[in-house]
Amino acid sequence: MRQGTASIFRIQSFAIDFTFLSLILMALGCAEMEINDPPVKEPVSQVFTVSYEKVWRAVQLATRRFPLKINVYDAGVLETDYIKGDKLFSDPNNTKPPAGVRYKIIVHAIKGTIDNQNRIKVIVQKQAKSQSDFFTGYRPIDSNGLEEKTILYRISRYADL
C-alpha cells in the first residue's frame, strides 16, 4: 500500500506542477504587446514676411501641376483633388511607386502680425491613403514629409521673385 500512496503522491505533484507551469505559460503567452500610437508629427510650415497676395500667388504656382479641388483666397485654403497614378510624387529613395496609393495636399495660409509687421504662416499637409485590394477600403498612411518640404521650398522661391 505504501507504494500505491507514493505513486499517487507523485502523480498529484506532477499534476500540480503541470497546472502551475501551464498557467504561467498561458499568462505570458497571452499577454498582448502594448500598442503605441505613432508620434504626432507637426505639419510642415514656414513664416513669410512678404505680402499675402505674393504668398498666395506663390502657393498657386507651387501647386499648379496638381488638380485643384478648393482654392479660396480669402480663407487661405488650397486643397488638391486626390492625386494618383502617374502624378504621384516620386521619392528618390523608392524606385517603384506603390500601388493603390492616393493623396491630397492641403495648404493653409494664415495672416498674422509680429512686432507690428505682417506675417503669413503657410502650412502644408499631405493626407495619404492606401488600398491593398479592391474589397478593402482605403487606410491612412503616414507621409515622410519630403513632398511637403518640396512644396514649401517652391513657395518660398516663388515668393522671393
N, C-alpha and C. Protein backbone atom coordinates (compact mmCIF):
# COMPACT_ATOMS: atom_id res chain seq x y z
N MET A 1 0.81 -1.19 0.00
CA MET A 1 0.00 0.00 0.00
C MET A 1 0.85 1.25 0.00
N ARG A 2 1.99 1.17 0.59
CA ARG A 2 2.87 2.33 0.63
C ARG A 2 3.30 2.73 -0.76
N GLN A 3 3.55 1.74 -1.61
CA GLN A 3 3.98 2.05 -2.96
C GLN A 3 2.85 2.72 -3.73
N GLY A 4 1.65 2.33 -3.54
CA GLY A 4 0.49 2.94 -4.21
C GLY A 4 0.30 4.38 -3.75
N THR A 5 0.53 4.64 -2.48
CA THR A 5 0.38 6.00 -1.96
C THR A 5 1.47 6.89 -2.51
N ALA A 6 2.69 6.38 -2.62
CA ALA A 6 3.80 7.17 -3.15
C ALA A 6 3.57 7.50 -4.61
N SER A 7 3.06 6.55 -5.38
CA SER A 7 2.83 6.84 -6.80
C SER A 7 1.69 7.83 -6.97
N ILE A 8 0.67 7.76 -6.13
CA ILE A 8 -0.43 8.74 -6.19
C ILE A 8 0.10 10.12 -5.83
N PHE A 9 0.99 10.19 -4.82
CA PHE A 9 1.58 11.46 -4.42
C PHE A 9 2.40 12.06 -5.56
N ARG A 10 3.17 11.20 -6.28
CA ARG A 10 3.96 11.70 -7.41
C ARG A 10 3.06 12.18 -8.54
N ILE A 11 1.98 11.47 -8.79
CA ILE A 11 1.05 11.88 -9.85
C ILE A 11 0.40 13.21 -9.48
N GLN A 12 0.01 13.36 -8.21
CA GLN A 12 -0.60 14.62 -7.77
C GLN A 12 0.42 15.76 -7.84
N SER A 13 1.64 15.51 -7.45
CA SER A 13 2.69 16.52 -7.50
C SER A 13 2.96 16.94 -8.95
N PHE A 14 3.01 15.94 -9.84
CA PHE A 14 3.21 16.24 -11.26
C PHE A 14 2.04 17.06 -11.82
N ALA A 15 0.83 16.70 -11.44
CA ALA A 15 -0.35 17.42 -11.91
C ALA A 15 -0.33 18.86 -11.42
N ILE A 16 0.07 19.09 -10.19
CA ILE A 16 0.14 20.45 -9.64
C ILE A 16 1.22 21.25 -10.36
N ASP A 17 2.39 20.61 -10.55
CA ASP A 17 3.48 21.29 -11.27
C ASP A 17 3.06 21.62 -12.70
N PHE A 18 2.41 20.68 -13.38
CA PHE A 18 1.98 20.89 -14.76
C PHE A 18 0.95 22.02 -14.84
N THR A 19 0.00 22.03 -13.90
CA THR A 19 -1.02 23.09 -13.87
C THR A 19 -0.37 24.44 -13.62
N PHE A 20 0.54 24.50 -12.70
CA PHE A 20 1.23 25.76 -12.37
C PHE A 20 2.02 26.27 -13.58
N LEU A 21 2.79 25.41 -14.23
CA LEU A 21 3.55 25.80 -15.41
C LEU A 21 2.64 26.21 -16.57
N SER A 22 1.53 25.50 -16.74
CA SER A 22 0.59 25.84 -17.80
C SER A 22 0.01 27.23 -17.58
N LEU A 23 -0.34 27.54 -16.33
CA LEU A 23 -0.88 28.87 -16.02
C LEU A 23 0.15 29.96 -16.29
N ILE A 24 1.38 29.73 -15.94
CA ILE A 24 2.44 30.72 -16.18
C ILE A 24 2.62 30.93 -17.69
N LEU A 25 2.69 29.84 -18.45
CA LEU A 25 2.87 29.95 -19.89
C LEU A 25 1.68 30.64 -20.55
N MET A 26 0.47 30.35 -20.09
CA MET A 26 -0.71 31.00 -20.67
C MET A 26 -0.71 32.49 -20.33
N ALA A 27 -0.31 32.83 -19.13
CA ALA A 27 -0.28 34.24 -18.74
C ALA A 27 0.76 35.00 -19.56
N LEU A 28 1.90 34.39 -19.79
CA LEU A 28 2.94 35.06 -20.57
C LEU A 28 2.64 35.01 -22.06
N GLY A 29 2.10 33.91 -22.52
CA GLY A 29 1.84 33.76 -23.95
C GLY A 29 0.65 34.57 -24.43
N CYS A 30 -0.31 34.82 -23.59
CA CYS A 30 -1.50 35.55 -24.00
C CYS A 30 -1.37 37.05 -23.75
N ALA A 31 -0.30 37.45 -23.16
CA ALA A 31 -0.13 38.88 -22.91
C ALA A 31 0.04 39.60 -24.23
N GLU A 32 -0.70 40.67 -24.39
CA GLU A 32 -0.61 41.44 -25.63
C GLU A 32 0.51 42.45 -25.53
N MET A 33 1.12 42.67 -26.67
CA MET A 33 2.16 43.68 -26.73
C MET A 33 1.49 45.04 -26.71
N GLU A 34 2.06 45.95 -25.99
CA GLU A 34 1.48 47.28 -25.88
C GLU A 34 1.55 47.98 -27.24
N ILE A 35 0.42 48.54 -27.65
CA ILE A 35 0.35 49.22 -28.93
C ILE A 35 0.60 50.70 -28.70
N ASN A 36 1.64 51.21 -29.35
CA ASN A 36 1.96 52.62 -29.22
C ASN A 36 1.44 53.36 -30.44
N ASP A 37 0.83 54.51 -30.19
CA ASP A 37 0.41 55.35 -31.30
C ASP A 37 1.64 55.94 -31.95
N PRO A 38 1.56 56.18 -33.27
CA PRO A 38 2.71 56.81 -33.93
C PRO A 38 2.90 58.22 -33.39
N PRO A 39 4.12 58.69 -33.39
CA PRO A 39 4.35 60.02 -32.86
C PRO A 39 3.59 61.07 -33.66
N VAL A 40 3.08 62.06 -32.96
CA VAL A 40 2.35 63.13 -33.63
C VAL A 40 3.36 64.01 -34.35
N LYS A 41 3.16 64.13 -35.65
CA LYS A 41 4.07 64.94 -36.44
C LYS A 41 3.42 66.29 -36.68
N GLU A 42 4.18 67.31 -36.46
CA GLU A 42 3.70 68.65 -36.75
C GLU A 42 3.72 68.84 -38.26
N PRO A 43 2.72 69.53 -38.80
CA PRO A 43 2.74 69.78 -40.24
C PRO A 43 3.90 70.72 -40.60
N VAL A 44 4.37 70.58 -41.83
CA VAL A 44 5.47 71.39 -42.32
C VAL A 44 4.95 72.82 -42.51
N SER A 45 5.67 73.80 -41.98
CA SER A 45 5.22 75.19 -42.08
C SER A 45 6.40 76.13 -42.16
N GLN A 46 6.10 77.34 -42.63
CA GLN A 46 7.12 78.39 -42.73
C GLN A 46 6.41 79.74 -42.65
N VAL A 47 7.09 80.73 -42.06
CA VAL A 47 6.53 82.07 -41.93
C VAL A 47 7.21 82.98 -42.96
N PHE A 48 6.38 83.75 -43.68
CA PHE A 48 6.88 84.65 -44.72
C PHE A 48 6.62 86.10 -44.31
N THR A 49 7.50 86.99 -44.75
CA THR A 49 7.37 88.41 -44.41
C THR A 49 6.86 89.24 -45.59
N VAL A 50 6.67 88.65 -46.74
CA VAL A 50 6.17 89.38 -47.90
C VAL A 50 4.65 89.48 -47.81
N SER A 51 4.04 90.18 -48.75
CA SER A 51 2.59 90.41 -48.71
C SER A 51 1.81 89.10 -48.89
N TYR A 52 0.57 89.13 -48.41
CA TYR A 52 -0.29 87.96 -48.50
C TYR A 52 -0.57 87.61 -49.96
N GLU A 53 -0.77 88.61 -50.80
CA GLU A 53 -1.05 88.39 -52.22
C GLU A 53 0.12 87.65 -52.88
N LYS A 54 1.32 88.07 -52.54
CA LYS A 54 2.50 87.44 -53.13
C LYS A 54 2.65 85.98 -52.66
N VAL A 55 2.39 85.75 -51.39
CA VAL A 55 2.47 84.38 -50.86
C VAL A 55 1.39 83.51 -51.49
N TRP A 56 0.17 84.02 -51.61
CA TRP A 56 -0.91 83.22 -52.18
C TRP A 56 -0.63 82.87 -53.64
N ARG A 57 -0.08 83.84 -54.38
CA ARG A 57 0.29 83.56 -55.77
C ARG A 57 1.40 82.51 -55.83
N ALA A 58 2.34 82.55 -54.89
CA ALA A 58 3.40 81.55 -54.84
C ALA A 58 2.83 80.17 -54.52
N VAL A 59 1.82 80.11 -53.64
CA VAL A 59 1.16 78.84 -53.32
C VAL A 59 0.51 78.27 -54.58
N GLN A 60 -0.17 79.12 -55.33
CA GLN A 60 -0.82 78.66 -56.55
C GLN A 60 0.19 78.18 -57.59
N LEU A 61 1.29 78.88 -57.71
CA LEU A 61 2.32 78.46 -58.67
C LEU A 61 2.98 77.14 -58.26
N ALA A 62 3.21 76.97 -56.97
CA ALA A 62 3.87 75.76 -56.48
C ALA A 62 2.99 74.52 -56.62
N THR A 63 1.67 74.72 -56.63
CA THR A 63 0.74 73.58 -56.72
C THR A 63 0.04 73.52 -58.07
N ARG A 64 0.56 74.20 -59.07
CA ARG A 64 -0.14 74.29 -60.36
C ARG A 64 -0.21 72.96 -61.12
N ARG A 65 0.67 72.02 -60.84
CA ARG A 65 0.63 70.74 -61.56
C ARG A 65 -0.38 69.75 -60.98
N PHE A 66 -1.01 70.12 -59.86
CA PHE A 66 -1.99 69.25 -59.23
C PHE A 66 -3.41 69.69 -59.59
N PRO A 67 -4.35 68.75 -59.67
CA PRO A 67 -5.75 69.14 -59.89
C PRO A 67 -6.32 69.76 -58.61
N LEU A 68 -6.85 70.97 -58.72
CA LEU A 68 -7.34 71.69 -57.54
C LEU A 68 -8.80 71.36 -57.28
N LYS A 69 -9.12 71.23 -56.00
CA LYS A 69 -10.50 70.99 -55.57
C LYS A 69 -11.05 72.25 -54.90
N ILE A 70 -10.23 72.85 -54.01
CA ILE A 70 -10.63 74.06 -53.29
C ILE A 70 -9.50 75.08 -53.43
N ASN A 71 -9.88 76.32 -53.77
CA ASN A 71 -8.92 77.41 -53.90
C ASN A 71 -9.62 78.69 -53.43
N VAL A 72 -9.53 78.97 -52.14
CA VAL A 72 -10.23 80.11 -51.55
C VAL A 72 -9.20 81.12 -51.05
N TYR A 73 -9.10 82.23 -51.75
CA TYR A 73 -8.12 83.27 -51.44
C TYR A 73 -8.38 83.89 -50.06
N ASP A 74 -9.63 84.28 -49.79
CA ASP A 74 -9.96 84.97 -48.54
C ASP A 74 -9.73 84.11 -47.31
N ALA A 75 -10.02 82.82 -47.41
CA ALA A 75 -9.84 81.91 -46.28
C ALA A 75 -8.41 81.38 -46.20
N GLY A 76 -7.66 81.50 -47.29
CA GLY A 76 -6.29 81.00 -47.30
C GLY A 76 -6.20 79.49 -47.33
N VAL A 77 -7.12 78.85 -48.05
CA VAL A 77 -7.15 77.39 -48.11
C VAL A 77 -7.04 76.95 -49.56
N LEU A 78 -6.12 76.06 -49.82
CA LEU A 78 -5.98 75.44 -51.13
C LEU A 78 -5.89 73.94 -50.90
N GLU A 79 -6.76 73.20 -51.57
CA GLU A 79 -6.78 71.74 -51.42
C GLU A 79 -6.82 71.13 -52.81
N THR A 80 -5.99 70.13 -53.01
CA THR A 80 -5.98 69.43 -54.29
C THR A 80 -7.00 68.31 -54.25
N ASP A 81 -7.38 67.88 -55.43
CA ASP A 81 -8.18 66.67 -55.53
C ASP A 81 -7.23 65.50 -55.28
N TYR A 82 -7.75 64.29 -55.18
CA TYR A 82 -6.86 63.16 -54.92
C TYR A 82 -5.90 62.97 -56.10
N ILE A 83 -4.65 62.80 -55.78
CA ILE A 83 -3.58 62.61 -56.76
C ILE A 83 -3.24 61.12 -56.76
N LYS A 84 -3.22 60.53 -57.93
CA LYS A 84 -2.92 59.10 -58.03
C LYS A 84 -2.30 58.80 -59.38
N GLY A 85 -1.83 57.59 -59.53
CA GLY A 85 -1.27 57.16 -60.81
C GLY A 85 0.06 57.81 -61.13
N ASP A 86 0.17 58.31 -62.35
CA ASP A 86 1.45 58.87 -62.80
C ASP A 86 1.74 60.25 -62.23
N LYS A 87 0.81 60.85 -61.54
CA LYS A 87 1.01 62.17 -60.95
C LYS A 87 1.61 62.10 -59.54
N LEU A 88 1.81 60.89 -59.01
CA LEU A 88 2.36 60.73 -57.67
C LEU A 88 3.77 61.29 -57.59
N PHE A 89 4.10 61.84 -56.43
CA PHE A 89 5.44 62.34 -56.17
C PHE A 89 6.38 61.14 -56.10
N SER A 90 7.47 61.20 -56.85
CA SER A 90 8.41 60.07 -56.84
C SER A 90 9.54 60.36 -55.85
N ASP A 91 9.58 59.55 -54.83
CA ASP A 91 10.61 59.65 -53.81
C ASP A 91 11.91 59.13 -54.40
N PRO A 92 13.02 59.87 -54.30
CA PRO A 92 14.27 59.40 -54.89
C PRO A 92 14.78 58.09 -54.30
N ASN A 93 14.34 57.75 -53.08
CA ASN A 93 14.79 56.51 -52.44
C ASN A 93 14.02 55.29 -52.95
N ASN A 94 12.80 55.49 -53.43
CA ASN A 94 11.98 54.38 -53.92
C ASN A 94 12.00 54.38 -55.44
N THR A 95 12.40 53.26 -56.02
CA THR A 95 12.44 53.17 -57.47
C THR A 95 11.08 52.79 -58.05
N LYS A 96 10.28 52.04 -57.28
CA LYS A 96 8.97 51.60 -57.76
C LYS A 96 7.88 52.32 -56.96
N PRO A 97 6.99 53.05 -57.63
CA PRO A 97 5.92 53.72 -56.88
C PRO A 97 4.94 52.69 -56.32
N PRO A 98 4.42 52.94 -55.12
CA PRO A 98 3.50 51.98 -54.51
C PRO A 98 2.17 51.96 -55.26
N ALA A 99 1.56 50.79 -55.32
CA ALA A 99 0.27 50.64 -55.99
C ALA A 99 -0.86 50.93 -55.01
N GLY A 100 -1.95 51.47 -55.51
CA GLY A 100 -3.13 51.71 -54.69
C GLY A 100 -3.00 52.88 -53.74
N VAL A 101 -2.08 53.80 -54.02
CA VAL A 101 -1.89 54.96 -53.14
C VAL A 101 -2.49 56.19 -53.80
N ARG A 102 -3.15 56.98 -53.00
CA ARG A 102 -3.63 58.29 -53.44
C ARG A 102 -3.47 59.25 -52.28
N TYR A 103 -3.34 60.53 -52.61
CA TYR A 103 -3.21 61.52 -51.57
C TYR A 103 -3.69 62.87 -52.06
N LYS A 104 -3.90 63.76 -51.10
CA LYS A 104 -4.22 65.14 -51.43
C LYS A 104 -3.36 66.06 -50.59
N ILE A 105 -3.09 67.23 -51.15
CA ILE A 105 -2.28 68.24 -50.49
C ILE A 105 -3.21 69.35 -50.01
N ILE A 106 -3.05 69.77 -48.78
CA ILE A 106 -3.83 70.87 -48.22
C ILE A 106 -2.86 71.95 -47.77
N VAL A 107 -3.08 73.17 -48.26
CA VAL A 107 -2.22 74.30 -47.91
C VAL A 107 -3.08 75.35 -47.22
N HIS A 108 -2.61 75.82 -46.06
CA HIS A 108 -3.27 76.90 -45.32
C HIS A 108 -2.32 78.08 -45.26
N ALA A 109 -2.82 79.26 -45.60
CA ALA A 109 -2.06 80.50 -45.46
C ALA A 109 -2.77 81.34 -44.40
N ILE A 110 -2.08 81.60 -43.30
CA ILE A 110 -2.68 82.28 -42.16
C ILE A 110 -2.02 83.64 -41.98
N LYS A 111 -2.86 84.69 -41.98
CA LYS A 111 -2.36 86.05 -41.80
C LYS A 111 -2.14 86.32 -40.32
N GLY A 112 -1.10 87.11 -40.02
CA GLY A 112 -0.84 87.49 -38.64
C GLY A 112 0.14 88.64 -38.59
N THR A 113 0.43 89.11 -37.38
CA THR A 113 1.41 90.18 -37.19
C THR A 113 2.35 89.80 -36.05
N ILE A 114 3.61 90.16 -36.23
CA ILE A 114 4.61 90.01 -35.19
C ILE A 114 5.38 91.31 -35.15
N ASP A 115 5.44 91.94 -33.98
CA ASP A 115 6.11 93.23 -33.82
C ASP A 115 5.60 94.25 -34.83
N ASN A 116 4.28 94.33 -34.98
CA ASN A 116 3.61 95.26 -35.89
C ASN A 116 4.02 95.09 -37.34
N GLN A 117 4.50 93.92 -37.73
CA GLN A 117 4.82 93.62 -39.12
C GLN A 117 3.95 92.44 -39.56
N ASN A 118 3.44 92.54 -40.77
CA ASN A 118 2.60 91.46 -41.30
C ASN A 118 3.42 90.22 -41.56
N ARG A 119 2.87 89.09 -41.16
CA ARG A 119 3.49 87.78 -41.40
C ARG A 119 2.44 86.84 -41.93
N ILE A 120 2.86 85.92 -42.75
CA ILE A 120 1.96 84.90 -43.28
C ILE A 120 2.60 83.55 -43.00
N LYS A 121 1.86 82.71 -42.27
CA LYS A 121 2.33 81.36 -41.98
C LYS A 121 1.67 80.41 -42.97
N VAL A 122 2.48 79.65 -43.69
CA VAL A 122 1.99 78.69 -44.66
C VAL A 122 2.21 77.29 -44.09
N ILE A 123 1.13 76.52 -44.04
CA ILE A 123 1.17 75.15 -43.52
C ILE A 123 0.81 74.21 -44.67
N VAL A 124 1.65 73.21 -44.90
CA VAL A 124 1.42 72.23 -45.96
C VAL A 124 1.22 70.86 -45.33
N GLN A 125 0.09 70.22 -45.65
CA GLN A 125 -0.21 68.89 -45.13
C GLN A 125 -0.49 67.94 -46.29
N LYS A 126 -0.12 66.70 -46.11
CA LYS A 126 -0.38 65.66 -47.10
C LYS A 126 -1.19 64.57 -46.43
N GLN A 127 -2.35 64.27 -46.98
CA GLN A 127 -3.18 63.20 -46.45
C GLN A 127 -3.16 62.05 -47.45
N ALA A 128 -2.41 61.01 -47.10
CA ALA A 128 -2.23 59.87 -47.99
C ALA A 128 -3.06 58.69 -47.52
N LYS A 129 -3.54 57.93 -48.50
CA LYS A 129 -4.31 56.71 -48.22
C LYS A 129 -3.82 55.61 -49.14
N SER A 130 -3.95 54.38 -48.66
CA SER A 130 -3.52 53.22 -49.44
C SER A 130 -4.63 52.18 -49.46
N GLN A 131 -4.78 51.53 -50.60
CA GLN A 131 -5.76 50.45 -50.74
C GLN A 131 -5.02 49.22 -51.23
N SER A 132 -5.05 48.16 -50.42
CA SER A 132 -4.30 46.95 -50.78
C SER A 132 -5.01 46.13 -51.84
N ASP A 133 -6.35 46.07 -51.79
CA ASP A 133 -7.10 45.38 -52.83
C ASP A 133 -8.47 46.05 -52.99
N PHE A 134 -9.24 45.58 -53.93
CA PHE A 134 -10.49 46.22 -54.28
C PHE A 134 -11.53 46.15 -53.16
N PHE A 135 -11.53 45.08 -52.40
CA PHE A 135 -12.57 44.86 -51.41
C PHE A 135 -12.34 45.60 -50.11
N THR A 136 -11.10 45.89 -49.79
CA THR A 136 -10.82 46.64 -48.57
C THR A 136 -10.81 48.12 -48.90
N GLY A 137 -11.21 48.92 -47.95
CA GLY A 137 -11.24 50.36 -48.17
C GLY A 137 -9.85 50.96 -48.05
N TYR A 138 -9.80 52.25 -48.23
CA TYR A 138 -8.54 52.96 -48.08
C TYR A 138 -8.21 53.10 -46.61
N ARG A 139 -6.94 52.98 -46.28
CA ARG A 139 -6.48 53.19 -44.91
C ARG A 139 -5.42 54.29 -44.94
N PRO A 140 -5.43 55.16 -43.95
CA PRO A 140 -4.45 56.27 -43.95
C PRO A 140 -3.03 55.76 -43.74
N ILE A 141 -2.09 56.40 -44.41
CA ILE A 141 -0.68 56.08 -44.24
C ILE A 141 0.06 57.38 -43.93
N ASP A 142 1.17 57.25 -43.24
CA ASP A 142 1.97 58.41 -42.87
C ASP A 142 2.80 58.89 -44.04
N SER A 143 3.02 60.17 -44.06
CA SER A 143 3.88 60.76 -45.08
C SER A 143 5.27 60.93 -44.50
N ASN A 144 6.27 60.86 -45.37
CA ASN A 144 7.64 61.08 -44.89
C ASN A 144 7.99 62.56 -44.84
N GLY A 145 7.11 63.43 -45.34
CA GLY A 145 7.31 64.87 -45.25
C GLY A 145 8.15 65.46 -46.37
N LEU A 146 8.65 64.63 -47.26
CA LEU A 146 9.53 65.12 -48.32
C LEU A 146 8.78 65.98 -49.33
N GLU A 147 7.61 65.54 -49.75
CA GLU A 147 6.86 66.34 -50.73
C GLU A 147 6.38 67.65 -50.13
N GLU A 148 5.97 67.63 -48.86
CA GLU A 148 5.53 68.87 -48.21
C GLU A 148 6.67 69.89 -48.15
N LYS A 149 7.86 69.40 -47.81
CA LYS A 149 9.02 70.29 -47.76
C LYS A 149 9.37 70.82 -49.14
N THR A 150 9.21 69.98 -50.16
CA THR A 150 9.48 70.41 -51.53
C THR A 150 8.51 71.50 -51.96
N ILE A 151 7.23 71.32 -51.65
CA ILE A 151 6.24 72.33 -52.00
C ILE A 151 6.51 73.63 -51.25
N LEU A 152 6.86 73.53 -49.98
CA LEU A 152 7.16 74.73 -49.20
C LEU A 152 8.40 75.44 -49.74
N TYR A 153 9.38 74.67 -50.18
CA TYR A 153 10.57 75.26 -50.79
C TYR A 153 10.20 76.01 -52.07
N ARG A 154 9.33 75.41 -52.89
CA ARG A 154 8.90 76.08 -54.11
C ARG A 154 8.12 77.36 -53.80
N ILE A 155 7.28 77.31 -52.78
CA ILE A 155 6.54 78.50 -52.37
C ILE A 155 7.51 79.62 -51.99
N SER A 156 8.52 79.27 -51.21
CA SER A 156 9.49 80.29 -50.78
C SER A 156 10.26 80.85 -51.96
N ARG A 157 10.58 80.02 -52.95
CA ARG A 157 11.27 80.51 -54.15
C ARG A 157 10.39 81.43 -54.98
N TYR A 158 9.13 81.06 -55.16
CA TYR A 158 8.22 81.91 -55.92
C TYR A 158 7.89 83.19 -55.18
N ALA A 159 7.84 83.16 -53.87
CA ALA A 159 7.54 84.37 -53.08
C ALA A 159 8.69 85.36 -53.14
N ASP A 160 9.91 84.87 -53.34
CA ASP A 160 11.07 85.76 -53.40
C ASP A 160 11.23 86.44 -54.76
N LEU A 161 10.52 85.95 -55.77
CA LEU A 161 10.65 86.54 -57.12
C LEU A 161 10.08 87.93 -57.19
